[in-house]
Amino acid sequence: MAGGWTRDGAVGEQIEASIQDELARMKSRAAPVGESLTHCAECEEEIPEARRQAIPGVKLCFDCASERDARPVARTGINRRGSKDSQLR
């Protein structure tokens, strides 16, 4: 089903492209590598041995990692459809 200025299948292609972009962004987040720190890089608390063995290359304690992961990440949205003005030109 086409809508407005789009051709058949364009909406599905847009959704698929957005999914692929998000998957690529998630894959680009590099996992820690190398030797784990014994103390947290932010708060300097000792990182438990079990955490260091479970996540090679870990640099943060659980509390600091949880706090950092909870912070919102600013991402720019991509308007794949463009504005109506650009479509009319």
PDB file of N, CA and C in Angstrom:
ATOM      1  N   MET A   1       0.843  -1.176   0.000  1.00  0.00           N
ATOM      2  CA  MET A   1       0.000   0.000   0.000  1.00  0.00           C
ATOM      3  C   MET A   1       0.887   1.238   0.000  1.00  0.00           C
ATOM      4  N   ALA A   2       0.749   2.042  -0.988  1.00  0.00           N
ATOM      5  CA  ALA A   2       1.508   3.286  -1.067  1.00  0.00           C
ATOM      6  C   ALA A   2       0.713   4.393  -0.400  1.00  0.00           C
ATOM      7  N   GLY A   3       1.434   5.378   0.111  1.00  0.00           N
ATOM      8  CA  GLY A   3       0.742   6.496   0.739  1.00  0.00           C
ATOM      9  C   GLY A   3       1.341   7.804   0.270  1.00  0.00           C
ATOM     10  N   GLY A   4       0.509   8.670  -0.261  1.00  0.00           N
ATOM     11  CA  GLY A   4       1.000   9.984  -0.683  1.00  0.00           C
ATOM     12  C   GLY A   4       2.002   9.872  -1.809  1.00  0.00           C
ATOM     13  N   TRP A   5       3.199  10.365  -1.541  1.00  0.00           N
ATOM     14  CA  TRP A   5       4.234  10.419  -2.566  1.00  0.00           C
ATOM     15  C   TRP A   5       5.099   9.166  -2.606  1.00  0.00           C
ATOM     16  N   THR A   6       4.829   8.202  -1.744  1.00  0.00           N
ATOM     17  CA  THR A   6       5.682   7.018  -1.672  1.00  0.00           C
ATOM     18  C   THR A   6       5.219   5.951  -2.639  1.00  0.00           C
ATOM     19  N   ARG A   7       6.117   5.092  -3.002  1.00  0.00           N
ATOM     20  CA  ARG A   7       5.777   3.974  -3.879  1.00  0.00           C
ATOM     21  C   ARG A   7       5.434   2.760  -3.022  1.00  0.00           C
ATOM     22  N   ASP A   8       4.910   1.726  -3.636  1.00  0.00           N
ATOM     23  CA  ASP A   8       4.560   0.502  -2.910  1.00  0.00           C
ATOM     24  C   ASP A   8       5.788  -0.073  -2.211  1.00  0.00           C
ATOM     25  N   GLY A   9       5.639  -0.426  -0.938  1.00  0.00           N
ATOM     26  CA  GLY A   9       6.729  -1.036  -0.194  1.00  0.00           C
ATOM     27  C   GLY A   9       7.689  -0.057   0.453  1.00  0.00           C
ATOM     28  N   ALA A  10       7.508   1.235   0.216  1.00  0.00           N
ATOM     29  CA  ALA A  10       8.454   2.220   0.742  1.00  0.00           C
ATOM     30  C   ALA A  10       8.414   2.288   2.265  1.00  0.00           C
ATOM     31  N   VAL A  11       7.236   2.153   2.843  1.00  0.00           N
ATOM     32  CA  VAL A  11       7.123   2.206   4.302  1.00  0.00           C
ATOM     33  C   VAL A  11       7.842   1.023   4.919  1.00  0.00           C
ATOM     34  N   GLY A  12       7.646  -0.146   4.361  1.00  0.00           N
ATOM     35  CA  GLY A  12       8.346  -1.341   4.854  1.00  0.00           C
ATOM     36  C   GLY A  12       9.850  -1.205   4.724  1.00  0.00           C
ATOM     37  N   GLU A  13      10.307  -0.640   3.617  1.00  0.00           N
ATOM     38  CA  GLU A  13      11.742  -0.424   3.427  1.00  0.00           C
ATOM     39  C   GLU A  13      12.289   0.564   4.454  1.00  0.00           C
ATOM     40  N   GLN A  14      11.511   1.586   4.768  1.00  0.00           N
ATOM     41  CA  GLN A  14      11.930   2.574   5.762  1.00  0.00           C
ATOM     42  C   GLN A  14      12.054   1.927   7.134  1.00  0.00           C
ATOM     43  N   ILE A  15      11.096   1.101   7.506  1.00  0.00           N
ATOM     44  CA  ILE A  15      11.145   0.408   8.787  1.00  0.00           C
ATOM     45  C   ILE A  15      12.346  -0.528   8.830  1.00  0.00           C
ATOM     46  N   GLU A  16      12.560  -1.280   7.774  1.00  0.00           N
ATOM     47  CA  GLU A  16      13.693  -2.204   7.711  1.00  0.00           C
ATOM     48  C   GLU A  16      15.019  -1.456   7.806  1.00  0.00           C
ATOM     49  N   ALA A  17      15.138  -0.323   7.129  1.00  0.00           N
ATOM     50  CA  ALA A  17      16.369   0.471   7.183  1.00  0.00           C
ATOM     51  C   ALA A  17      16.608   0.999   8.597  1.00  0.00           C
ATOM     52  N   SER A  18      15.550   1.413   9.275  1.00  0.00           N
ATOM     53  CA  SER A  18      15.691   1.895  10.655  1.00  0.00           C
ATOM     54  C   SER A  18      16.153   0.780  11.579  1.00  0.00           C
ATOM     55  N   ILE A  19      15.611  -0.407  11.390  1.00  0.00           N
ATOM     56  CA  ILE A  19      16.027  -1.558  12.194  1.00  0.00           C
ATOM     57  C   ILE A  19      17.487  -1.886  11.938  1.00  0.00           C
ATOM     58  N   GLN A  20      17.894  -1.893  10.680  1.00  0.00           N
ATOM     59  CA  GLN A  20      19.286  -2.192  10.343  1.00  0.00           C
ATOM     60  C   GLN A  20      20.241  -1.147  10.930  1.00  0.00           C
ATOM     61  N   ASP A  21      19.843   0.125  10.902  1.00  0.00           N
ATOM     62  CA  ASP A  21      20.667   1.183  11.496  1.00  0.00           C
ATOM     63  C   ASP A  21      20.855   0.954  12.988  1.00  0.00           C
ATOM     64  N   GLU A  22      19.780   0.601  13.673  1.00  0.00           N
ATOM     65  CA  GLU A  22      19.852   0.377  15.122  1.00  0.00           C
ATOM     66  C   GLU A  22      20.703  -0.847  15.438  1.00  0.00           C
ATOM     67  N   LEU A  23      20.565  -1.910  14.657  1.00  0.00           N
ATOM     68  CA  LEU A  23      21.394  -3.094  14.867  1.00  0.00           C
ATOM     69  C   LEU A  23      22.870  -2.782  14.651  1.00  0.00           C
ATOM     70  N   ALA A  24      23.173  -2.005  13.626  1.00  0.00           N
ATOM     71  CA  ALA A  24      24.569  -1.618  13.371  1.00  0.00           C
ATOM     72  C   ALA A  24      25.118  -0.776  14.511  1.00  0.00           C
ATOM     73  N   ARG A  25      24.277   0.126  15.050  1.00  0.00           N
ATOM     74  CA  ARG A  25      24.712   0.948  16.173  1.00  0.00           C
ATOM     75  C   ARG A  25      24.996   0.091  17.393  1.00  0.00           C
ATOM     76  N   MET A  26      24.137  -0.898  17.638  1.00  0.00           N
ATOM     77  CA  MET A  26      24.337  -1.766  18.793  1.00  0.00           C
ATOM     78  C   MET A  26      25.591  -2.627  18.640  1.00  0.00           C
ATOM     79  N   LYS A  27      25.848  -3.109  17.431  1.00  0.00           N
ATOM     80  CA  LYS A  27      27.030  -3.937  17.189  1.00  0.00           C
ATOM     81  C   LYS A  27      28.315  -3.122  17.291  1.00  0.00           C
ATOM     82  N   SER A  28      28.222  -1.824  17.007  1.00  0.00           N
ATOM     83  CA  SER A  28      29.422  -0.992  17.043  1.00  0.00           C
ATOM     84  C   SER A  28      29.873  -0.686  18.470  1.00  0.00           C
ATOM     85  N   ARG A  29      28.982  -0.888  19.439  1.00  0.00           N
ATOM     86  CA  ARG A  29      29.375  -0.707  20.839  1.00  0.00           C
ATOM     87  C   ARG A  29      30.344  -1.819  21.194  1.00  0.00           C
ATOM     88  N   ALA A  30      31.579  -1.474  21.287  1.00  0.00           N
ATOM     89  CA  ALA A  30      32.619  -2.469  21.527  1.00  0.00           C
ATOM     90  C   ALA A  30      32.548  -2.992  22.961  1.00  0.00           C
ATOM     91  N   ALA A  31      32.650  -4.299  23.089  1.00  0.00           N
ATOM     92  CA  ALA A  31      32.710  -4.916  24.406  1.00  0.00           C
ATOM     93  C   ALA A  31      34.109  -4.672  24.983  1.00  0.00           C
ATOM     94  N   PRO A  32      34.216  -4.617  26.306  1.00  0.00           N
ATOM     95  CA  PRO A  32      35.533  -4.412  26.903  1.00  0.00           C
ATOM     96  C   PRO A  32      36.491  -5.535  26.514  1.00  0.00           C
ATOM     97  N   VAL A  33      37.715  -5.187  26.284  1.00  0.00           N
ATOM     98  CA  VAL A  33      38.749  -6.173  25.976  1.00  0.00           C
ATOM     99  C   VAL A  33      39.972  -5.865  26.812  1.00  0.00           C
ATOM    100  N   GLY A  34      40.862  -6.829  26.879  1.00  0.00           N
ATOM    101  CA  GLY A  34      42.100  -6.630  27.620  1.00  0.00           C
ATOM    102  C   GLY A  34      41.954  -7.064  29.064  1.00  0.00           C
ATOM    103  N   GLU A  35      42.868  -6.597  29.879  1.00  0.00           N
ATOM    104  CA  GLU A  35      42.893  -6.987  31.277  1.00  0.00           C
ATOM    105  C   GLU A  35      41.937  -6.123  32.095  1.00  0.00           C
ATOM    106  N   SER A  36      41.200  -6.766  32.973  1.00  0.00           N
ATOM    107  CA  SER A  36      40.258  -6.051  33.827  1.00  0.00           C
ATOM    108  C   SER A  36      40.998  -5.266  34.890  1.00  0.00           C
ATOM    109  N   LEU A  37      40.394  -4.144  35.283  1.00  0.00           N
ATOM    110  CA  LEU A  37      40.941  -3.370  36.393  1.00  0.00           C
ATOM    111  C   LEU A  37      40.519  -4.017  37.709  1.00  0.00           C
ATOM    112  N   THR A  38      41.324  -3.869  38.734  1.00  0.00           N
ATOM    113  CA  THR A  38      40.953  -4.399  40.050  1.00  0.00           C
ATOM    114  C   THR A  38      40.071  -3.410  40.793  1.00  0.00           C
ATOM    115  N   HIS A  39      40.176  -2.119  40.444  1.00  0.00           N
ATOM    116  CA  HIS A  39      39.372  -1.074  41.076  1.00  0.00           C
ATOM    117  C   HIS A  39      38.671  -0.259  39.993  1.00  0.00           C
ATOM    118  N   CYS A  40      37.488   0.212  40.316  1.00  0.00           N
ATOM    119  CA  CYS A  40      36.645   0.957  39.379  1.00  0.00           C
ATOM    120  C   CYS A  40      37.356   2.221  38.896  1.00  0.00           C
ATOM    121  N   ALA A  41      37.231   2.511  37.610  1.00  0.00           N
ATOM    122  CA  ALA A  41      37.869   3.688  37.021  1.00  0.00           C
ATOM    123  C   ALA A  41      37.182   4.983  37.456  1.00  0.00           C
ATOM    124  N   GLU A  42      35.941   4.914  37.936  1.00  0.00           N
ATOM    125  CA  GLU A  42      35.233   6.126  38.342  1.00  0.00           C
ATOM    126  C   GLU A  42      35.245   6.349  39.848  1.00  0.00           C
ATOM    127  N   CYS A  43      34.853   5.327  40.620  1.00  0.00           N
ATOM    128  CA  CYS A  43      34.728   5.532  42.069  1.00  0.00           C
ATOM    129  C   CYS A  43      35.861   4.902  42.870  1.00  0.00           C
ATOM    130  N   GLU A  44      36.712   4.142  42.221  1.00  0.00           N
ATOM    131  CA  GLU A  44      37.879   3.490  42.823  1.00  0.00           C
ATOM    132  C   GLU A  44      37.530   2.418  43.851  1.00  0.00           C
ATOM    133  N   GLU A  45      36.274   1.942  43.846  1.00  0.00           N
ATOM    134  CA  GLU A  45      35.901   0.798  44.683  1.00  0.00           C
ATOM    135  C   GLU A  45      36.441  -0.466  44.026  1.00  0.00           C
ATOM    136  N   GLU A  46      36.680  -1.483  44.836  1.00  0.00           N
ATOM    137  CA  GLU A  46      37.196  -2.739  44.290  1.00  0.00           C
ATOM    138  C   GLU A  46      36.124  -3.427  43.453  1.00  0.00           C
ATOM    139  N   ILE A  47      36.535  -3.935  42.293  1.00  0.00           N
ATOM    140  CA  ILE A  47      35.627  -4.683  41.421  1.00  0.00           C
ATOM    141  C   ILE A  47      35.719  -6.145  41.848  1.00  0.00           C
ATOM    142  N   PRO A  48      34.584  -6.783  42.174  1.00  0.00           N
ATOM    143  CA  PRO A  48      34.614  -8.178  42.624  1.00  0.00           C
ATOM    144  C   PRO A  48      35.259  -9.105  41.590  1.00  0.00           C
ATOM    145  N   GLU A  49      35.945 -10.103  42.080  1.00  0.00           N
ATOM    146  CA  GLU A  49      36.646 -11.064  41.221  1.00  0.00           C
ATOM    147  C   GLU A  49      35.679 -11.738  40.244  1.00  0.00           C
ATOM    148  N   ALA A  50      34.481 -12.072  40.710  1.00  0.00           N
ATOM    149  CA  ALA A  50      33.501 -12.742  39.839  1.00  0.00           C
ATOM    150  C   ALA A  50      33.148 -11.855  38.648  1.00  0.00           C
ATOM    151  N   ARG A  51      33.013 -10.553  38.862  1.00  0.00           N
ATOM    152  CA  ARG A  51      32.702  -9.620  37.765  1.00  0.00           C
ATOM    153  C   ARG A  51      33.882  -9.524  36.802  1.00  0.00           C
ATOM    154  N   ARG A  52      35.087  -9.484  37.334  1.00  0.00           N
ATOM    155  CA  ARG A  52      36.276  -9.395  36.463  1.00  0.00           C
ATOM    156  C   ARG A  52      36.428 -10.629  35.594  1.00  0.00           C
ATOM    157  N   GLN A  53      36.057 -11.798  36.131  1.00  0.00           N
ATOM    158  CA  GLN A  53      36.157 -13.026  35.339  1.00  0.00           C
ATOM    159  C   GLN A  53      35.014 -13.133  34.329  1.00  0.00           C
ATOM    160  N   ALA A  54      33.833 -12.651  34.717  1.00  0.00           N
ATOM    161  CA  ALA A  54      32.668 -12.752  33.831  1.00  0.00           C
ATOM    162  C   ALA A  54      32.761 -11.803  32.643  1.00  0.00           C
ATOM    163  N   ILE A  55      33.368 -10.624  32.856  1.00  0.00           N
ATOM    164  CA  ILE A  55      33.463  -9.619  31.793  1.00  0.00           C
ATOM    165  C   ILE A  55      34.932  -9.238  31.618  1.00  0.00           C
ATOM    166  N   PRO A  56      35.630  -9.905  30.705  1.00  0.00           N
ATOM    167  CA  PRO A  56      37.040  -9.562  30.492  1.00  0.00           C
ATOM    168  C   PRO A  56      37.187  -8.104  30.062  1.00  0.00           C
ATOM    169  N   GLY A  57      38.109  -7.398  30.669  1.00  0.00           N
ATOM    170  CA  GLY A  57      38.363  -6.010  30.311  1.00  0.00           C
ATOM    171  C   GLY A  57      37.467  -5.020  31.016  1.00  0.00           C
ATOM    172  N   VAL A  58      36.726  -5.452  32.044  1.00  0.00           N
ATOM    173  CA  VAL A  58      35.802  -4.560  32.735  1.00  0.00           C
ATOM    174  C   VAL A  58      36.582  -3.447  33.442  1.00  0.00           C
ATOM    175  N   LYS A  59      36.039  -2.224  33.356  1.00  0.00           N
ATOM    176  CA  LYS A  59      36.711  -1.053  33.933  1.00  0.00           C
ATOM    177  C   LYS A  59      35.890  -0.401  35.043  1.00  0.00           C
ATOM    178  N   LEU A  60      34.573  -0.727  35.113  1.00  0.00           N
ATOM    179  CA  LEU A  60      33.685  -0.095  36.079  1.00  0.00           C
ATOM    180  C   LEU A  60      33.056  -1.132  36.999  1.00  0.00           C
ATOM    181  N   CYS A  61      32.785  -0.710  38.246  1.00  0.00           N
ATOM    182  CA  CYS A  61      32.043  -1.570  39.161  1.00  0.00           C
ATOM    183  C   CYS A  61      30.588  -1.632  38.697  1.00  0.00           C
ATOM    184  N   PHE A  62      29.819  -2.516  39.292  1.00  0.00           N
ATOM    185  CA  PHE A  62      28.432  -2.699  38.873  1.00  0.00           C
ATOM    186  C   PHE A  62      27.622  -1.423  39.042  1.00  0.00           C
ATOM    187  N   ASP A  63      27.784  -0.741  40.175  1.00  0.00           N
ATOM    188  CA  ASP A  63      27.000   0.476  40.428  1.00  0.00           C
ATOM    189  C   ASP A  63      27.307   1.565  39.407  1.00  0.00           C
ATOM    190  N   CYS A  64      28.574   1.810  39.127  1.00  0.00           N
ATOM    191  CA  CYS A  64      28.941   2.848  38.160  1.00  0.00           C
ATOM    192  C   CYS A  64      28.498   2.472  36.745  1.00  0.00           C
ATOM    193  N   ALA A  65      28.622   1.196  36.384  1.00  0.00           N
ATOM    194  CA  ALA A  65      28.191   0.748  35.061  1.00  0.00           C
ATOM    195  C   ALA A  65      26.675   0.893  34.919  1.00  0.00           C
ATOM    196  N   SER A  66      25.928   0.564  35.970  1.00  0.00           N
ATOM    197  CA  SER A  66      24.468   0.699  35.930  1.00  0.00           C
ATOM    198  C   SER A  66      24.063   2.155  35.793  1.00  0.00           C
ATOM    199  N   GLU A  67      24.748   3.019  36.527  1.00  0.00           N
ATOM    200  CA  GLU A  67      24.441   4.455  36.462  1.00  0.00           C
ATOM    201  C   GLU A  67      24.726   5.010  35.071  1.00  0.00           C
ATOM    202  N   ARG A  68      25.857   4.615  34.487  1.00  0.00           N
ATOM    203  CA  ARG A  68      26.206   5.091  33.149  1.00  0.00           C
ATOM    204  C   ARG A  68      25.223   4.571  32.105  1.00  0.00           C
ATOM    205  N   ASP A  69      24.810   3.314  32.225  1.00  0.00           N
ATOM    206  CA  ASP A  69      23.875   2.743  31.260  1.00  0.00           C
ATOM    207  C   ASP A  69      22.494   3.374  31.352  1.00  0.00           C
ATOM    208  N   ALA A  70      22.139   3.908  32.530  1.00  0.00           N
ATOM    209  CA  ALA A  70      20.827   4.509  32.718  1.00  0.00           C
ATOM    210  C   ALA A  70      20.750   5.925  32.143  1.00  0.00           C
ATOM    211  N   ARG A  71      21.890   6.552  31.871  1.00  0.00           N
ATOM    212  CA  ARG A  71      21.890   7.911  31.308  1.00  0.00           C
ATOM    213  C   ARG A  71      21.330   7.878  29.889  1.00  0.00           C
ATOM    214  N   PRO A  72      20.503   8.853  29.541  1.00  0.00           N
ATOM    215  CA  PRO A  72      19.976   8.889  28.173  1.00  0.00           C
ATOM    216  C   PRO A  72      21.093   9.206  27.168  1.00  0.00           C
ATOM    217  N   VAL A  73      21.001   8.571  26.026  1.00  0.00           N
ATOM    218  CA  VAL A  73      21.980   8.779  24.966  1.00  0.00           C
ATOM    219  C   VAL A  73      21.338   9.634  23.888  1.00  0.00           C
ATOM    220  N   ALA A  74      21.956  10.756  23.572  1.00  0.00           N
ATOM    221  CA  ALA A  74      21.428  11.636  22.528  1.00  0.00           C
ATOM    222  C   ALA A  74      21.784  11.064  21.162  1.00  0.00           C
ATOM    223  N   ARG A  75      20.762  10.850  20.358  1.00  0.00           N
ATOM    224  CA  ARG A  75      20.986  10.374  18.993  1.00  0.00           C
ATOM    225  C   ARG A  75      20.232  11.288  18.048  1.00  0.00           C
ATOM    226  N   THR A  76      20.797  11.504  16.903  1.00  0.00           N
ATOM    227  CA  THR A  76      20.114  12.335  15.922  1.00  0.00           C
ATOM    228  C   THR A  76      19.169  11.457  15.122  1.00  0.00           C
ATOM    229  N   GLY A  77      17.962  11.951  14.947  1.00  0.00           N
ATOM    230  CA  GLY A  77      16.998  11.213  14.149  1.00  0.00           C
ATOM    231  C   GLY A  77      17.213  11.485  12.673  1.00  0.00           C
ATOM    232  N   ILE A  78      16.930  10.501  11.885  1.00  0.00           N
ATOM    233  CA  ILE A  78      17.087  10.654  10.448  1.00  0.00           C
ATOM    234  C   ILE A  78      15.699  10.644   9.831  1.00  0.00           C
ATOM    235  N   ASN A  79      15.359  11.710   9.149  1.00  0.00           N
ATOM    236  CA  ASN A  79      14.083  11.789   8.468  1.00  0.00           C
ATOM    237  C   ASN A  79      14.270  11.210   7.075  1.00  0.00           C
ATOM    238  N   ARG A  80      13.979   9.935   6.929  1.00  0.00           N
ATOM    239  CA  ARG A  80      14.198   9.255   5.654  1.00  0.00           C
ATOM    240  C   ARG A  80      13.190   9.695   4.590  1.00  0.00           C
ATOM    241  N   ARG A  81      12.044  10.177   5.004  1.00  0.00           N
ATOM    242  CA  ARG A  81      11.015  10.544   4.040  1.00  0.00           C
ATOM    243  C   ARG A  81      11.229  11.934   3.480  1.00  0.00           C
ATOM    244  N   GLY A  82      11.961  12.760   4.184  1.00  0.00           N
ATOM    245  CA  GLY A  82      12.176  14.126   3.724  1.00  0.00           C
ATOM    246  C   GLY A  82      10.954  14.983   3.989  1.00  0.00           C
ATOM    247  N   SER A  83      11.106  16.239   3.791  1.00  0.00           N
ATOM    248  CA  SER A  83       9.980  17.151   4.014  1.00  0.00           C
ATOM    249  C   SER A  83       9.114  17.215   2.766  1.00  0.00           C
ATOM    250  N   LYS A  84       7.890  17.680   2.939  1.00  0.00           N
ATOM    251  CA  LYS A  84       7.000  17.835   1.790  1.00  0.00           C
ATOM    252  C   LYS A  84       7.600  18.824   0.777  1.00  0.00           C
ATOM    253  N   ASP A  85       8.254  19.872   1.276  1.00  0.00           N
ATOM    254  CA  ASP A  85       8.852  20.848   0.374  1.00  0.00           C
ATOM    255  C   ASP A  85       9.888  20.205  -0.533  1.00  0.00           C
ATOM    256  N   SER A  86      10.723  19.346   0.047  1.00  0.00           N
ATOM    257  CA  SER A  86      11.775  18.728  -0.772  1.00  0.00           C
ATOM    258  C   SER A  86      11.197  17.765  -1.797  1.00  0.00           C
ATOM    259  N   GLN A  87      10.045  17.188  -1.493  1.00  0.00           N
ATOM    260  CA  GLN A  87       9.423  16.262  -2.436  1.00  0.00           C
ATOM    261  C   GLN A  87       8.739  16.992  -3.591  1.00  0.00           C
ATOM    262  N   LEU A  88       8.353  18.238  -3.358  1.00  0.00           N
ATOM    263  CA  LEU A  88       7.646  18.993  -4.390  1.00  0.00           C
ATOM    264  C   LEU A  88       8.601  19.664  -5.378  1.00  0.00           C
ATOM    265  N   ARG A  89       9.861  19.775  -4.997  1.00  0.00           N
ATOM    266  CA  ARG A  89      10.834  20.458  -5.888  1.00  0.00           C
ATOM    267  C   ARG A  89      11.357  19.573  -6.954  1.00  0.00           C
TER     268      ARG A  89
END
